[in-house]
């Protein structure tokens, strides 16, 4: 019995060591990549439309992104809102761009929700268009609240408790490594970090992982998880 328990600990240690090596390799690889988008670019663009009706803001933002980055934003016929359930919270996302190293999407909730953020390989930033974003960082005893025009940054390996008020909508940009299994929050899946005590409450492979877990491609592949779609 003791031998079996010891063997499990050895395997756990090996897996953690492998994850650490993989993470280092990933960040070295990312340092050699060129990116289409920048965190500050997306945040600054989203801030221009903060406080507007979220559908109007999203429509104008998409037009501007297509002007700035022709060929890198999905066409109108592929823009679809997808329900996302992860970490105890529920929201909806609309993917605009995805590659192996970065993604841009729209995210939010009409009703409000709360839960565990998860830990990810990616660095994620959310710029709020409407509503409120409450965040309680691991290791602290006080929460913060963010309002339209402000940007919330979630670093690689970090974990927070999150709460979004009703009608909270935001623009999200993520940059990091994709997991071997690629279905998406953005179609680029970013794997959760090892070491959380309740892995069942975390997304299975990304920052925003649809529970249907389909493979990389158009959001249309998410099938029954599709919410009512607004074409901008």
Protein backbone atom coordinates (compact mmCIF):
# COMPACT_ATOMS: atom_id res chain seq x y z
CA UNK A 1 0.00 0.00 0.00
CA UNK A 2 2.77 2.43 0.95
CA UNK A 3 4.60 1.52 -2.24
CA UNK A 4 1.51 2.37 -4.30
CA UNK A 5 1.10 5.73 -2.55
CA UNK A 6 4.77 6.51 -3.03
CA UNK A 7 4.50 5.65 -6.69
CA UNK A 8 1.62 8.10 -7.11
CA UNK A 9 3.68 10.87 -5.55
CA UNK A 10 6.58 10.11 -7.88
CA UNK A 11 4.28 10.34 -10.89
CA UNK A 12 2.77 13.58 -9.57
CA UNK A 13 6.25 15.06 -9.11
CA UNK A 14 7.27 14.00 -12.61
CA UNK A 15 4.14 15.55 -14.10
CA UNK A 16 4.75 18.83 -12.28
CA UNK A 17 8.37 18.86 -13.42
CA UNK A 18 7.29 18.19 -17.00
CA UNK A 19 4.73 21.00 -16.76
CA UNK A 20 7.43 23.39 -15.51
CA UNK A 21 9.76 22.45 -18.37
CA UNK A 22 6.91 22.83 -20.86
CA UNK A 23 6.01 26.25 -19.48
CA UNK A 24 9.61 27.43 -19.82
CA UNK A 25 9.82 26.12 -23.37
CA UNK A 26 6.55 27.82 -24.23
CA UNK A 27 7.69 31.22 -22.99
CA UNK A 28 10.98 30.88 -24.85
CA UNK A 29 9.01 30.04 -28.00
CA UNK A 30 6.66 32.98 -27.48
CA UNK A 31 9.66 35.27 -27.31
CA UNK A 32 10.45 34.38 -30.92
CA UNK A 33 6.91 35.04 -32.20
CA UNK A 34 5.49 38.12 -33.86
CA UNK A 35 1.93 39.04 -32.92
CA UNK A 36 -0.88 40.65 -34.86
CA UNK A 37 -2.36 42.45 -31.84
CA UNK A 38 -1.03 44.14 -28.70
CA UNK A 39 -2.60 44.28 -25.23
CA UNK A 40 -2.53 48.08 -25.08
CA UNK A 41 -3.87 48.42 -28.62
CA UNK A 42 -6.96 46.35 -27.81
CA UNK A 43 -7.46 48.08 -24.45
CA UNK A 44 -7.14 51.57 -25.93
CA UNK A 45 -9.54 50.76 -28.76
CA UNK A 46 -12.11 49.29 -26.35
CA UNK A 47 -11.86 52.34 -24.08
CA UNK A 48 -13.03 54.55 -26.95
CA UNK A 49 -16.41 52.81 -26.84
CA UNK A 50 -16.74 52.25 -23.09
CA UNK A 51 -20.08 53.40 -21.72
CA UNK A 52 -21.94 52.93 -25.00
CA UNK A 53 -24.62 50.30 -25.50
CA UNK A 54 -22.53 47.13 -25.70
CA UNK A 55 -23.89 45.99 -29.08
CA UNK A 56 -23.15 49.39 -30.63
CA UNK A 57 -19.70 49.41 -29.02
CA UNK A 58 -18.91 45.90 -30.29
CA UNK A 59 -20.09 46.77 -33.79
CA UNK A 60 -17.85 49.84 -33.99
CA UNK A 61 -14.90 48.00 -32.47
CA UNK A 62 -15.14 45.20 -35.04
CA UNK A 63 -15.22 47.71 -37.90
CA UNK A 64 -12.10 49.41 -36.54
CA UNK A 65 -10.24 46.13 -35.97
CA UNK A 66 -10.95 45.07 -39.55
CA UNK A 67 -9.63 48.41 -40.78
CA UNK A 68 -6.45 48.12 -38.71
CA UNK A 69 -5.88 44.39 -39.31
CA UNK A 70 -7.48 43.37 -42.61
CA UNK A 71 -7.88 39.61 -42.96
CA UNK A 72 -7.39 38.92 -39.24
CA UNK A 73 -10.97 39.31 -37.96
CA UNK A 74 -13.67 36.73 -38.69
CA UNK A 75 -16.33 37.74 -41.26
CA UNK A 76 -19.84 38.59 -40.12
CA UNK A 77 -21.24 35.18 -41.06
CA UNK A 78 -18.85 33.50 -38.59
CA UNK A 79 -19.52 35.82 -35.64
CA UNK A 80 -21.58 33.80 -33.19
CA UNK A 81 -22.27 34.06 -29.49
CA UNK A 82 -21.40 30.88 -27.58
CA UNK A 83 -22.37 30.02 -24.00
CA UNK A 84 -19.39 29.32 -21.74
CA UNK A 85 -19.54 27.43 -18.42
CA UNK A 86 -16.34 27.20 -16.34
CA UNK A 87 -15.22 27.60 -12.74
CA UNK A 88 -18.81 27.90 -11.53
CA UNK A 89 -19.63 30.93 -13.68
CA UNK A 90 -21.59 31.24 -16.92
CA UNK A 91 -21.14 33.80 -19.68
CA UNK A 92 -21.09 34.15 -23.44
CA UNK A 93 -18.31 34.86 -25.90
CA UNK A 94 -17.96 35.85 -29.53
CA UNK A 95 -14.62 35.00 -31.15
CA UNK A 96 -13.06 37.60 -33.43
CA UNK A 97 -9.55 36.24 -34.00
CA UNK A 98 -7.54 33.18 -32.98
CA UNK A 99 -4.10 31.76 -33.71
CA UNK A 100 -1.74 29.40 -31.90
CA UNK A 101 -0.41 32.25 -29.77
CA UNK A 102 -3.12 34.90 -29.37
CA UNK A 103 -6.85 35.58 -29.54
CA UNK A 104 -9.37 38.42 -29.44
CA UNK A 105 -12.96 37.91 -28.33
CA UNK A 106 -16.01 39.63 -26.88
CA UNK A 107 -17.22 38.33 -23.54
CA UNK A 108 -19.92 39.06 -20.99
CA UNK A 109 -23.12 38.14 -19.22
CA UNK A 110 -26.66 39.50 -19.39
CA UNK A 111 -27.60 38.17 -15.95
CA UNK A 112 -24.42 38.40 -13.87
CA UNK A 113 -22.29 35.50 -12.63
CA UNK A 114 -19.43 34.59 -10.29
CA UNK A 115 -16.86 31.84 -9.80
CA UNK A 116 -13.18 30.79 -10.01
CA UNK A 117 -11.08 32.31 -12.77
CA UNK A 118 -8.84 29.26 -13.23
CA UNK A 119 -5.08 29.36 -13.84
CA UNK A 120 -3.79 29.67 -17.39
CA UNK A 121 -0.62 29.69 -19.45
CA UNK A 122 -1.90 32.84 -21.18
CA UNK A 123 -1.74 36.48 -20.17
CA UNK A 124 -5.29 37.80 -20.48
CA UNK A 125 -6.60 41.37 -20.40
CA UNK A 126 -10.27 42.41 -20.30
CA UNK A 127 -11.35 45.98 -21.02
CA UNK A 128 -14.84 46.70 -19.73
CA UNK A 129 -17.47 48.20 -22.02
CA UNK A 130 -20.41 48.12 -19.59
CA UNK A 131 -21.27 46.82 -16.13
CA UNK A 132 -18.93 45.93 -13.26
CA UNK A 133 -16.12 43.41 -12.80
CA UNK A 134 -15.28 42.38 -9.21
CA UNK A 135 -11.98 40.56 -8.69
CA UNK A 136 -10.54 38.95 -5.54
CA UNK A 137 -6.92 37.98 -6.06
CA UNK A 138 -5.45 34.88 -4.45
CA UNK A 139 -3.32 35.78 -1.42
CA UNK A 140 -5.31 38.92 -0.58
CA UNK A 141 -8.26 39.61 1.73
CA UNK A 142 -9.89 42.46 -0.21
CA UNK A 143 -11.59 42.57 -3.58
CA UNK A 144 -11.33 45.21 -6.31
CA UNK A 145 -14.06 46.52 -8.57
CA UNK A 146 -13.52 47.68 -12.16
CA UNK A 147 -15.82 49.89 -14.25
CA UNK A 148 -16.30 50.74 -17.96
CA UNK A 149 -13.07 51.93 -19.54
CA UNK A 150 -10.85 50.06 -17.08
CA UNK A 151 -8.72 47.03 -17.96
CA UNK A 152 -8.36 43.92 -15.80
CA UNK A 153 -5.15 41.90 -16.31
CA UNK A 154 -4.91 38.18 -15.45
CA UNK A 155 -1.30 37.01 -15.55
CA UNK A 156 -0.05 33.48 -16.34
CA UNK A 157 -0.47 31.17 -13.34
CA UNK A 158 -2.61 33.62 -11.38
CA UNK A 159 -5.96 32.72 -9.82
CA UNK A 160 -8.80 34.99 -8.73
CA UNK A 161 -12.43 34.89 -7.71
CA UNK A 162 -14.50 36.85 -10.22
CA UNK A 163 -17.97 38.37 -10.19
CA UNK A 164 -19.65 40.19 -13.05
CA UNK A 165 -22.76 42.28 -12.52
CA UNK A 166 -25.80 42.04 -14.83
CA UNK A 167 -25.17 43.37 -18.35
CA UNK A 168 -21.39 43.33 -17.99
CA UNK A 169 -19.60 43.15 -21.34
CA UNK A 170 -15.93 43.41 -22.24
CA UNK A 171 -13.29 42.98 -24.92
CA UNK A 172 -10.71 40.30 -24.17
CA UNK A 173 -7.21 39.76 -25.56
CA UNK A 174 -5.18 36.68 -24.64
CA UNK A 175 -1.58 35.87 -25.46
CA UNK A 176 0.16 32.63 -24.54
CA UNK A 177 0.65 29.02 -25.54
CA UNK A 178 -2.12 26.79 -26.84
CA UNK A 179 -2.73 23.40 -25.30
CA UNK A 180 -2.31 20.23 -27.43
CA UNK A 181 -6.08 19.88 -27.48
CA UNK A 182 -7.35 22.97 -29.25
CA UNK A 183 -10.97 23.85 -28.95
CA UNK A 184 -11.37 27.30 -27.64
CA UNK A 185 -12.42 30.27 -25.70
CA UNK A 186 -11.06 31.80 -28.66
CA UNK A 187 -10.45 28.70 -30.56
CA UNK A 188 -6.98 28.78 -29.09
CA UNK A 189 -7.09 26.83 -25.90
CA UNK A 190 -4.90 27.78 -23.04
CA UNK A 191 -4.38 24.99 -20.52
CA UNK A 192 -5.01 25.46 -16.78
CA UNK A 193 -1.95 25.42 -14.55
CA UNK A 194 -1.37 22.37 -12.32
CA UNK A 195 -1.70 22.55 -8.56
CA UNK A 196 -5.28 23.68 -7.92
CA UNK A 197 -7.05 21.68 -5.25
CA UNK A 198 -10.37 21.53 -7.10
CA UNK A 199 -9.56 20.89 -10.73
CA UNK A 200 -13.14 19.86 -11.42
CA UNK A 201 -14.18 23.48 -11.06
CA UNK A 202 -11.70 24.76 -13.63
CA UNK A 203 -11.98 25.05 -17.39
CA UNK A 204 -10.64 21.88 -18.99
CA UNK A 205 -8.29 23.58 -21.37
CA UNK A 206 -8.65 27.30 -21.62
CA UNK A 207 -9.45 30.70 -20.36
CA UNK A 208 -12.94 30.51 -21.78
CA UNK A 209 -13.74 26.91 -22.67
CA UNK A 210 -17.18 26.02 -24.07
CA UNK A 211 -18.44 22.94 -22.24
CA UNK A 212 -19.05 21.21 -25.57
CA UNK A 213 -15.26 20.92 -26.06
CA UNK A 214 -15.14 20.79 -29.85
CA UNK A 215 -11.96 21.13 -31.87
CA UNK A 216 -10.28 24.19 -33.32
CA UNK A 217 -12.19 26.06 -35.97
CA UNK A 218 -15.13 28.36 -36.49
CA UNK A 219 -17.32 28.97 -33.44
CA UNK A 220 -20.07 27.32 -35.50
CA UNK A 221 -18.45 24.00 -34.56
CA UNK A 222 -19.65 24.40 -31.00
CA UNK A 223 -23.07 23.03 -31.98
CA UNK A 224 -25.64 22.92 -29.20
CA UNK A 225 -23.69 25.39 -27.07
CA UNK A 226 -24.57 28.17 -29.52
CA UNK A 227 -26.48 31.08 -28.06
CA UNK A 228 -28.62 33.45 -30.10
CA UNK A 229 -26.19 35.16 -32.45
CA UNK A 230 -26.10 38.84 -33.20
CA UNK A 231 -24.36 39.60 -36.49
CA UNK A 232 -22.66 42.95 -36.29
